């Protein structure tokens, strides 16, 4: 299982960035929200899905990440340079926490992508199965990952507007912190 820190300090593609994070405790969300404002990249990151390429990281893009406490997912909302949502990426996770002020999650391989048009993709089932086969995770982790992914797919496929509003609310709040650093 891979531990991932939400500040993405190890991301070699990004040459210059601004990172902010804030803890929220309010009705509807309790956890960390971070924003990675990408200022300069070695090259844009293009992911191919459903027969076309989607640019998900380039100069001017913002990756807004929600890491809810005591939940088995993390959400990354990827915004283009015009603050338009490119996609939502749900990492299914075993646990999350904070080390030295740096929030992290333990990735359970399975991922869900929601596109703004409502299309939903389940990704990396092969990686989840390989982790089970190798003993990296146990059957309980495997079953929990699928249960969580299924719940996310069922919800987001019919609630794109709500997911959009949720992301945009936090983008507005966290973006003021980014601008305060420039």
C-alpha atoms as a PDB file:
ATOM      1  CA  UNK A   1       0.000   0.000   0.000  1.00  0.00           C
ATOM      2  CA  UNK A   2       1.342   3.396  -0.930  1.00  0.00           C
ATOM      3  CA  UNK A   3       1.219   6.335   1.496  1.00  0.00           C
ATOM      4  CA  UNK A   4       0.502   9.581  -0.348  1.00  0.00           C
ATOM      5  CA  UNK A   5       0.931  13.066   1.092  1.00  0.00           C
ATOM      6  CA  UNK A   6      -1.557  15.582  -0.257  1.00  0.00           C
ATOM      7  CA  UNK A   7       1.076  18.294  -0.731  1.00  0.00           C
ATOM      8  CA  UNK A   8       2.577  16.177  -3.542  1.00  0.00           C
ATOM      9  CA  UNK A   9       6.142  17.234  -2.760  1.00  0.00           C
ATOM     10  CA  UNK A  10       7.432  14.287  -4.786  1.00  0.00           C
ATOM     11  CA  UNK A  11       5.695  15.304  -8.032  1.00  0.00           C
ATOM     12  CA  UNK A  12       8.576  15.772 -10.484  1.00  0.00           C
ATOM     13  CA  UNK A  13       6.360  16.979 -13.356  1.00  0.00           C
ATOM     14  CA  UNK A  14       5.547  20.180 -11.465  1.00  0.00           C
ATOM     15  CA  UNK A  15       8.473  22.610 -11.531  1.00  0.00           C
ATOM     16  CA  UNK A  16       6.826  25.485  -9.649  1.00  0.00           C
ATOM     17  CA  UNK A  17       3.733  25.473  -7.464  1.00  0.00           C
ATOM     18  CA  UNK A  18       1.940  27.158  -4.613  1.00  0.00           C
ATOM     19  CA  UNK A  19       0.429  24.900  -1.953  1.00  0.00           C
ATOM     20  CA  UNK A  20      -2.042  25.755   0.807  1.00  0.00           C
ATOM     21  CA  UNK A  21      -4.091  23.638   3.177  1.00  0.00           C
ATOM     22  CA  UNK A  22      -6.746  24.293   5.772  1.00  0.00           C
ATOM     23  CA  UNK A  23      -8.669  22.170   8.244  1.00  0.00           C
ATOM     24  CA  UNK A  24     -12.463  22.504   8.136  1.00  0.00           C
ATOM     25  CA  UNK A  25     -14.980  21.295  10.716  1.00  0.00           C
ATOM     26  CA  UNK A  26     -18.459  22.119   9.527  1.00  0.00           C
ATOM     27  CA  UNK A  27     -21.707  20.400   8.741  1.00  0.00           C
ATOM     28  CA  UNK A  28     -21.200  18.278   5.641  1.00  0.00           C
ATOM     29  CA  UNK A  29     -17.400  18.120   5.814  1.00  0.00           C
ATOM     30  CA  UNK A  30     -14.756  17.546   8.466  1.00  0.00           C
ATOM     31  CA  UNK A  31     -11.167  17.229   7.318  1.00  0.00           C
ATOM     32  CA  UNK A  32      -8.398  18.827   5.304  1.00  0.00           C
ATOM     33  CA  UNK A  33      -8.791  20.773   2.099  1.00  0.00           C
ATOM     34  CA  UNK A  34      -5.698  21.631   0.120  1.00  0.00           C
ATOM     35  CA  UNK A  35      -5.008  23.388  -3.132  1.00  0.00           C
ATOM     36  CA  UNK A  36      -2.030  22.913  -5.360  1.00  0.00           C
ATOM     37  CA  UNK A  37      -1.767  25.816  -7.795  1.00  0.00           C
ATOM     38  CA  UNK A  38       0.436  24.619 -10.636  1.00  0.00           C
ATOM     39  CA  UNK A  39       2.579  27.453 -11.965  1.00  0.00           C
ATOM     40  CA  UNK A  40       5.037  25.605 -14.205  1.00  0.00           C
ATOM     41  CA  UNK A  41       5.272  22.016 -15.490  1.00  0.00           C
ATOM     42  CA  UNK A  42       7.847  20.002 -17.423  1.00  0.00           C
ATOM     43  CA  UNK A  43       5.001  18.978 -19.707  1.00  0.00           C
ATOM     44  CA  UNK A  44       1.207  18.839 -19.438  1.00  0.00           C
ATOM     45  CA  UNK A  45      -0.325  15.659 -18.028  1.00  0.00           C
ATOM     46  CA  UNK A  46      -2.769  14.117 -20.505  1.00  0.00           C
ATOM     47  CA  UNK A  47      -4.881  11.106 -19.508  1.00  0.00           C
ATOM     48  CA  UNK A  48      -6.728   9.105 -22.147  1.00  0.00           C
ATOM     49  CA  UNK A  49     -10.247   8.005 -21.242  1.00  0.00           C
ATOM     50  CA  UNK A  50     -13.285   7.109 -23.278  1.00  0.00           C
ATOM     51  CA  UNK A  51     -11.451   7.572 -26.563  1.00  0.00           C
ATOM     52  CA  UNK A  52     -10.061  11.047 -25.966  1.00  0.00           C
ATOM     53  CA  UNK A  53      -7.306  12.862 -24.119  1.00  0.00           C
ATOM     54  CA  UNK A  54      -7.983  14.999 -21.062  1.00  0.00           C
ATOM     55  CA  UNK A  55      -5.382  17.499 -19.897  1.00  0.00           C
ATOM     56  CA  UNK A  56      -5.495  17.227 -16.101  1.00  0.00           C
ATOM     57  CA  UNK A  57      -2.356  19.163 -15.137  1.00  0.00           C
ATOM     58  CA  UNK A  58      -0.742  22.177 -16.772  1.00  0.00           C
ATOM     59  CA  UNK A  59       0.367  25.695 -15.886  1.00  0.00           C
ATOM     60  CA  UNK A  60      -2.520  27.590 -14.292  1.00  0.00           C
ATOM     61  CA  UNK A  61      -4.351  24.447 -13.158  1.00  0.00           C
ATOM     62  CA  UNK A  62      -5.483  23.936  -9.570  1.00  0.00           C
ATOM     63  CA  UNK A  63      -5.796  20.567  -7.878  1.00  0.00           C
ATOM     64  CA  UNK A  64      -8.221  20.917  -4.977  1.00  0.00           C
ATOM     65  CA  UNK A  65      -8.069  17.970  -2.611  1.00  0.00           C
ATOM     66  CA  UNK A  66     -10.534  16.988   0.104  1.00  0.00           C
ATOM     67  CA  UNK A  67      -9.356  14.524   2.723  1.00  0.00           C
ATOM     68  CA  UNK A  68     -12.307  13.855   5.027  1.00  0.00           C
ATOM     69  CA  UNK A  69     -11.525  12.493   8.477  1.00  0.00           C
ATOM     70  CA  UNK A  70     -12.688   8.916   9.139  1.00  0.00           C
ATOM     71  CA  UNK A  71     -13.755   8.266   5.549  1.00  0.00           C
ATOM     72  CA  UNK A  72     -12.337   5.793   3.052  1.00  0.00           C
ATOM     73  CA  UNK A  73     -11.823   8.184   0.158  1.00  0.00           C
ATOM     74  CA  UNK A  74      -9.988  11.329  -0.868  1.00  0.00           C
ATOM     75  CA  UNK A  75     -11.292  13.606  -3.620  1.00  0.00           C
ATOM     76  CA  UNK A  76      -9.136  15.584  -6.021  1.00  0.00           C
ATOM     77  CA  UNK A  77     -10.994  18.120  -8.151  1.00  0.00           C
ATOM     78  CA  UNK A  78      -8.882  19.172 -11.110  1.00  0.00           C
ATOM     79  CA  UNK A  79      -9.533  22.674 -12.416  1.00  0.00           C
ATOM     80  CA  UNK A  80      -8.138  24.112 -15.640  1.00  0.00           C
ATOM     81  CA  UNK A  81      -6.663  27.604 -15.941  1.00  0.00           C
ATOM     82  CA  UNK A  82     -10.183  29.059 -16.345  1.00  0.00           C
ATOM     83  CA  UNK A  83     -11.376  27.387 -13.097  1.00  0.00           C
ATOM     84  CA  UNK A  84     -13.462  24.895 -15.079  1.00  0.00           C
ATOM     85  CA  UNK A  85     -13.589  21.396 -13.641  1.00  0.00           C
ATOM     86  CA  UNK A  86     -11.763  18.854 -15.793  1.00  0.00           C
ATOM     87  CA  UNK A  87     -12.548  15.856 -13.580  1.00  0.00           C
ATOM     88  CA  UNK A  88     -12.974  14.583 -10.056  1.00  0.00           C
ATOM     89  CA  UNK A  89     -10.663  11.781  -8.963  1.00  0.00           C
ATOM     90  CA  UNK A  90     -11.683   9.687  -5.963  1.00  0.00           C
ATOM     91  CA  UNK A  91      -8.882   7.680  -4.371  1.00  0.00           C
ATOM     92  CA  UNK A  92     -10.240   4.798  -2.312  1.00  0.00           C
ATOM     93  CA  UNK A  93      -8.170   4.698   0.864  1.00  0.00           C
ATOM     94  CA  UNK A  94      -7.632   2.505   3.913  1.00  0.00           C
ATOM     95  CA  UNK A  95      -6.869   5.330   6.334  1.00  0.00           C
ATOM     96  CA  UNK A  96      -5.630   8.892   6.579  1.00  0.00           C
ATOM     97  CA  UNK A  97      -3.776  10.972   9.092  1.00  0.00           C
ATOM     98  CA  UNK A  98      -1.267  13.742   9.648  1.00  0.00           C
ATOM     99  CA  UNK A  99       2.505  13.540  10.157  1.00  0.00           C
ATOM    100  CA  UNK A 100       4.375  16.738  11.045  1.00  0.00           C
ATOM    101  CA  UNK A 101       1.452  18.842   9.830  1.00  0.00           C
ATOM    102  CA  UNK A 102       1.306  17.004   6.495  1.00  0.00           C
ATOM    103  CA  UNK A 103      -1.987  15.190   5.769  1.00  0.00           C
ATOM    104  CA  UNK A 104      -1.653  11.819   4.041  1.00  0.00           C
ATOM    105  CA  UNK A 105      -3.693   8.804   2.990  1.00  0.00           C
ATOM    106  CA  UNK A 106      -2.950   5.122   2.517  1.00  0.00           C
ATOM    107  CA  UNK A 107      -4.070   4.373  -1.041  1.00  0.00           C
ATOM    108  CA  UNK A 108      -6.088   1.210  -1.707  1.00  0.00           C
ATOM    109  CA  UNK A 109      -5.430   1.301  -5.476  1.00  0.00           C
ATOM    110  CA  UNK A 110      -9.060   1.449  -6.647  1.00  0.00           C
ATOM    111  CA  UNK A 111     -10.137   4.825  -8.061  1.00  0.00           C
ATOM    112  CA  UNK A 112     -13.280   6.458  -9.388  1.00  0.00           C
ATOM    113  CA  UNK A 113     -13.263   9.273 -11.961  1.00  0.00           C
ATOM    114  CA  UNK A 114     -16.249  11.541 -12.496  1.00  0.00           C
ATOM    115  CA  UNK A 115     -16.297  13.722 -15.601  1.00  0.00           C
ATOM    116  CA  UNK A 116     -18.320  16.961 -15.710  1.00  0.00           C
ATOM    117  CA  UNK A 117     -20.739  15.384 -18.215  1.00  0.00           C
ATOM    118  CA  UNK A 118     -21.690  12.756 -15.607  1.00  0.00           C
ATOM    119  CA  UNK A 119     -19.693   9.851 -17.007  1.00  0.00           C
ATOM    120  CA  UNK A 120     -18.139   7.703 -14.272  1.00  0.00           C
ATOM    121  CA  UNK A 121     -15.176   5.351 -14.599  1.00  0.00           C
ATOM    122  CA  UNK A 122     -13.876   2.735 -12.174  1.00  0.00           C
ATOM    123  CA  UNK A 123     -10.093   2.487 -12.497  1.00  0.00           C
ATOM    124  CA  UNK A 124      -7.269   0.203 -11.405  1.00  0.00           C
ATOM    125  CA  UNK A 125      -9.248  -2.903 -10.502  1.00  0.00           C
ATOM    126  CA  UNK A 126      -6.234  -4.887 -11.733  1.00  0.00           C
ATOM    127  CA  UNK A 127      -3.972  -3.112  -9.227  1.00  0.00           C
ATOM    128  CA  UNK A 128      -6.385  -3.880  -6.385  1.00  0.00           C
ATOM    129  CA  UNK A 129      -6.490  -7.562  -7.342  1.00  0.00           C
ATOM    130  CA  UNK A 130      -2.682  -7.692  -7.651  1.00  0.00           C
ATOM    131  CA  UNK A 131      -2.342  -6.149  -4.171  1.00  0.00           C
ATOM    132  CA  UNK A 132      -4.666  -8.819  -2.773  1.00  0.00           C
ATOM    133  CA  UNK A 133      -2.798 -11.610  -4.580  1.00  0.00           C
ATOM    134  CA  UNK A 134       0.584 -10.377  -3.325  1.00  0.00           C
ATOM    135  CA  UNK A 135      -0.621 -10.011   0.268  1.00  0.00           C
ATOM    136  CA  UNK A 136      -0.163  -6.228   0.257  1.00  0.00           C
ATOM    137  CA  UNK A 137      -3.814  -5.967   1.340  1.00  0.00           C
ATOM    138  CA  UNK A 138      -6.189  -8.510   2.859  1.00  0.00           C
ATOM    139  CA  UNK A 139      -9.687  -9.608   1.821  1.00  0.00           C
ATOM    140  CA  UNK A 140     -11.302  -7.091   4.192  1.00  0.00           C
ATOM    141  CA  UNK A 141      -9.390  -4.228   2.526  1.00  0.00           C
ATOM    142  CA  UNK A 142     -10.336  -5.572  -0.909  1.00  0.00           C
ATOM    143  CA  UNK A 143     -14.035  -5.836  -0.038  1.00  0.00           C
ATOM    144  CA  UNK A 144     -14.094  -2.422   1.647  1.00  0.00           C
ATOM    145  CA  UNK A 145     -12.465  -0.804  -1.404  1.00  0.00           C
ATOM    146  CA  UNK A 146     -15.162  -2.168  -3.712  1.00  0.00           C
ATOM    147  CA  UNK A 147     -17.954  -1.274  -1.297  1.00  0.00           C
ATOM    148  CA  UNK A 148     -16.682   2.324  -1.025  1.00  0.00           C
ATOM    149  CA  UNK A 149     -16.154   2.649  -4.792  1.00  0.00           C
ATOM    150  CA  UNK A 150     -19.650   1.329  -5.499  1.00  0.00           C
ATOM    151  CA  UNK A 151     -21.188   3.822  -3.056  1.00  0.00           C
ATOM    152  CA  UNK A 152     -19.270   6.689  -4.700  1.00  0.00           C
ATOM    153  CA  UNK A 153     -20.251   5.593  -8.223  1.00  0.00           C
ATOM    154  CA  UNK A 154     -23.906   5.311  -7.195  1.00  0.00           C
ATOM    155  CA  UNK A 155     -23.930   8.760  -5.600  1.00  0.00           C
ATOM    156  CA  UNK A 156     -21.907  10.836  -8.056  1.00  0.00           C
ATOM    157  CA  UNK A 157     -23.550   9.458 -11.181  1.00  0.00           C
ATOM    158  CA  UNK A 158     -26.796  11.179 -10.206  1.00  0.00           C
ATOM    159  CA  UNK A 159     -25.459  14.136  -8.187  1.00  0.00           C
ATOM    160  CA  UNK A 160     -23.012  15.952 -10.483  1.00  0.00           C
ATOM    161  CA  UNK A 161     -24.482  19.362  -9.621  1.00  0.00           C
ATOM    162  CA  UNK A 162     -24.114  18.752  -5.882  1.00  0.00           C
ATOM    163  CA  UNK A 163     -20.526  17.541  -6.312  1.00  0.00           C
ATOM    164  CA  UNK A 164     -19.786  20.597  -8.479  1.00  0.00           C
ATOM    165  CA  UNK A 165     -21.278  22.995  -5.933  1.00  0.00           C
ATOM    166  CA  UNK A 166     -19.340  21.317  -3.101  1.00  0.00           C
ATOM    167  CA  UNK A 167     -16.024  21.609  -4.947  1.00  0.00           C
ATOM    168  CA  UNK A 168     -16.620  25.180  -6.092  1.00  0.00           C
ATOM    169  CA  UNK A 169     -17.529  26.308  -2.567  1.00  0.00           C
ATOM    170  CA  UNK A 170     -14.177  25.116  -1.230  1.00  0.00           C
ATOM    171  CA  UNK A 171     -12.260  26.375  -4.271  1.00  0.00           C
ATOM    172  CA  UNK A 172     -13.546  29.866  -3.571  1.00  0.00           C
ATOM    173  CA  UNK A 173     -12.529  29.666   0.094  1.00  0.00           C
ATOM    174  CA  UNK A 174      -9.111  28.105  -0.434  1.00  0.00           C
ATOM    175  CA  UNK A 175      -8.267  30.244  -3.483  1.00  0.00           C
ATOM    176  CA  UNK A 176      -8.146  33.330  -1.268  1.00  0.00           C
ATOM    177  CA  UNK A 177      -5.336  31.611   0.664  1.00  0.00           C
ATOM    178  CA  UNK A 178      -3.447  30.937  -2.576  1.00  0.00           C
ATOM    179  CA  UNK A 179      -3.764  34.549  -3.685  1.00  0.00           C
ATOM    180  CA  UNK A 180      -2.527  35.638  -0.260  1.00  0.00           C
ATOM    181  CA  UNK A 181       0.747  33.815  -0.954  1.00  0.00           C
ATOM    182  CA  UNK A 182       1.372  35.559  -4.297  1.00  0.00           C
END
